[in-house]
Amino acid sequence: MTPDEIRAKFLEDHAHLRGKASVLRSLACQVLRGDSELTEAMRLKGRDMQFCLIKHMQWEEAKLAPLLRSVNTAAADGADQLFEEHRGQRAKLADSLIALEGADDGDGTALAEHLLSLIRWLERDMQTEEKAILMWIDSNREPQHTPRRHTPRA
């Protein structure tokens, strides 16, 4: 994949995750307002979002990390940091999946609060990651040459 293709896929995945987070946030808020009948749908959407995040991290490690390593030393360090962050994120997601399967307080409020916390964490993480990753990817992109117009001198 070219740097532009990797950049596009990275942003596409983040947009997809934000969409899933938005749907999940809506369900969680409805459950917190007393609509406990949505608890199972919220649980399923929470599980789906987490599995999409895991798939995205695998893609980042397979496609994004090699690109970062080719940019410069700082970006290569960023690739190492990416793997380190993913280890921590996988541990957090494992704990979250356990909570997701085990949370049953009758009305779903504990699960809703857990998922809202997870969404806030995910959104902050994506925002931070985008700033760093896009800077490194963009520093490796081919310059876009715009043809200059020749204007006659008067």
Protein backbone atom coordinates (compact mmCIF):
# COMPACT_ATOMS: atom_id res chain seq x y z
CA MET A 1 0.00 0.00 0.00
CA THR A 2 1.16 3.52 -0.72
CA PRO A 3 1.36 6.12 2.06
CA ASP A 4 -1.77 7.77 0.64
CA GLU A 5 -3.66 4.47 0.66
CA ILE A 6 -2.55 3.76 4.23
CA ARG A 7 -3.57 7.27 5.28
CA ALA A 8 -7.01 6.84 3.69
CA LYS A 9 -7.58 3.41 5.25
CA PHE A 10 -6.42 4.67 8.67
CA LEU A 11 -8.91 7.56 8.55
CA GLU A 12 -11.65 5.34 7.12
CA ASP A 13 -11.24 2.88 10.00
CA HIS A 14 -11.35 5.68 12.55
CA ALA A 15 -14.52 7.10 10.96
CA HIS A 16 -16.06 3.62 11.06
CA LEU A 17 -15.14 3.24 14.75
CA ARG A 18 -16.57 6.70 15.51
CA GLY A 19 -19.82 5.67 13.84
CA LYS A 20 -20.02 2.53 15.94
CA ALA A 21 -19.22 4.55 19.06
CA SER A 22 -22.00 7.02 18.22
CA VAL A 23 -24.60 4.26 17.90
CA LEU A 24 -23.37 2.65 21.11
CA ARG A 25 -23.42 6.00 22.96
CA SER A 26 -27.03 6.51 21.90
CA LEU A 27 -28.02 3.06 23.18
CA ALA A 28 -26.15 3.55 26.45
CA CYS A 29 -27.82 6.90 27.05
CA GLN A 30 -31.23 5.36 26.39
CA VAL A 31 -30.48 2.58 28.87
CA LEU A 32 -29.36 5.16 31.45
CA ARG A 33 -32.68 6.97 30.91
CA GLY A 34 -34.49 3.78 31.89
CA ASP A 35 -34.95 1.83 28.65
CA SER A 36 -33.51 -1.41 30.03
CA GLU A 37 -35.00 -3.39 27.12
CA LEU A 38 -32.09 -2.08 25.03
CA THR A 39 -29.46 -3.62 27.31
CA GLU A 40 -28.84 -6.69 25.16
CA ALA A 41 -28.65 -4.64 21.94
CA MET A 42 -26.18 -2.33 23.71
CA ARG A 43 -24.13 -5.34 24.84
CA LEU A 44 -23.98 -6.68 21.27
CA LYS A 45 -23.01 -3.29 19.82
CA GLY A 46 -20.34 -2.93 22.50
CA ARG A 47 -18.88 -6.31 21.64
CA ASP A 48 -18.97 -5.47 17.91
CA MET A 49 -17.19 -2.14 18.42
CA GLN A 50 -14.47 -3.81 20.46
CA PHE A 51 -13.88 -6.52 17.87
CA CYS A 52 -13.67 -3.85 15.14
CA LEU A 53 -11.09 -2.03 17.25
CA ILE A 54 -9.04 -5.21 17.62
CA LYS A 55 -9.18 -5.77 13.85
CA HIS A 56 -8.07 -2.16 13.29
CA MET A 57 -5.11 -2.59 15.65
CA GLN A 58 -4.06 -5.71 13.72
CA TRP A 59 -4.20 -3.73 10.47
CA GLU A 60 -2.14 -0.90 12.00
CA GLU A 61 0.53 -3.38 13.06
CA ALA A 62 0.60 -5.09 9.65
CA LYS A 63 0.43 -2.04 7.36
CA LEU A 64 0.95 1.19 9.28
CA ALA A 65 3.91 0.17 11.45
CA PRO A 66 6.12 -0.83 8.45
CA LEU A 67 5.39 2.53 6.80
CA LEU A 68 6.30 4.41 9.98
CA ARG A 69 9.55 2.47 10.25
CA SER A 70 10.47 3.64 6.72
CA VAL A 71 9.89 7.36 7.35
CA ASN A 72 12.55 8.40 9.85
CA THR A 73 13.86 7.60 13.33
CA ALA A 74 11.10 9.51 15.12
CA ALA A 75 8.41 7.73 13.13
CA ALA A 76 10.14 4.37 13.72
CA ASP A 77 10.02 5.14 17.43
CA GLY A 78 6.33 5.89 16.89
CA ALA A 79 5.87 2.40 15.42
CA ASP A 80 7.45 0.92 18.54
CA GLN A 81 5.18 3.09 20.67
CA LEU A 82 2.18 1.90 18.62
CA PHE A 83 2.92 -1.72 19.50
CA GLU A 84 3.39 -0.80 23.17
CA GLU A 85 0.11 1.12 23.24
CA HIS A 86 -1.66 -1.76 21.54
CA ARG A 87 -0.47 -4.14 24.27
CA GLY A 88 -2.08 -1.89 26.86
CA GLN A 89 -5.21 -1.45 24.75
CA ARG A 90 -5.60 -5.20 24.29
CA ALA A 91 -5.40 -5.68 28.06
CA LYS A 92 -8.03 -2.96 28.55
CA LEU A 93 -10.27 -4.53 25.90
CA ALA A 94 -9.87 -7.99 27.44
CA ASP A 95 -11.01 -6.60 30.80
CA SER A 96 -13.81 -4.73 29.06
CA LEU A 97 -15.03 -7.84 27.24
CA ILE A 98 -15.12 -9.70 30.55
CA ALA A 99 -17.12 -6.83 32.06
CA LEU A 100 -19.35 -6.78 28.99
CA GLU A 101 -20.23 -10.44 29.36
CA GLY A 102 -20.52 -10.36 33.13
CA ALA A 103 -22.28 -7.07 33.74
CA ASP A 104 -25.84 -7.74 34.80
CA ASP A 105 -27.23 -5.31 37.31
CA GLY A 106 -30.76 -5.90 36.11
CA ASP A 107 -31.32 -2.57 34.42
CA GLY A 108 -28.10 -2.30 32.36
CA THR A 109 -26.93 0.96 33.92
CA ALA A 110 -23.55 -0.38 35.09
CA LEU A 111 -22.86 -1.74 31.62
CA ALA A 112 -23.99 1.54 30.01
CA GLU A 113 -21.66 3.54 32.23
CA HIS A 114 -18.81 1.13 31.47
CA LEU A 115 -19.38 1.44 27.72
CA LEU A 116 -19.62 5.24 27.85
CA SER A 117 -16.28 5.30 29.65
CA LEU A 118 -14.82 3.00 26.99
CA ILE A 119 -16.14 5.28 24.23
CA ARG A 120 -14.57 8.37 25.81
CA TRP A 121 -11.25 6.51 26.10
CA LEU A 122 -11.44 5.35 22.47
CA GLU A 123 -12.27 8.82 21.14
CA ARG A 124 -9.39 10.45 23.06
CA ASP A 125 -7.03 7.73 21.89
CA MET A 126 -8.03 8.08 18.23
CA GLN A 127 -7.66 11.87 18.36
CA THR A 128 -4.16 11.62 19.87
CA GLU A 129 -3.16 8.85 17.49
CA GLU A 130 -4.39 10.75 14.44
CA LYS A 131 -2.29 13.80 15.25
CA ALA A 132 0.93 11.80 15.56
CA ILE A 133 0.35 9.21 12.85
CA LEU A 134 -0.87 11.65 10.21
CA MET A 135 2.11 13.91 10.84
CA TRP A 136 4.46 10.97 10.22
CA ILE A 137 2.55 9.67 7.19
CA ASP A 138 2.29 13.14 5.67
CA SER A 139 6.02 13.68 6.08
CA ASN A 140 6.55 10.65 3.83
CA ARG A 141 4.02 11.57 1.12
CA GLU A 142 5.06 12.56 -2.34
CA PRO A 143 4.74 16.32 -2.79
CA GLN A 144 1.73 17.32 -4.82
CA HIS A 145 3.00 19.47 -7.65
CA THR A 146 0.64 22.09 -8.95
CA PRO A 147 1.53 23.32 -12.40
CA ARG A 148 2.39 26.97 -12.35
CA ARG A 149 0.71 29.18 -14.85
CA HIS A 150 2.93 31.21 -17.02
CA THR A 151 1.75 34.75 -17.11
CA PRO A 152 3.27 37.09 -19.64
CA ARG A 153 4.93 40.18 -18.28
CA ALA A 154 3.51 43.46 -19.36
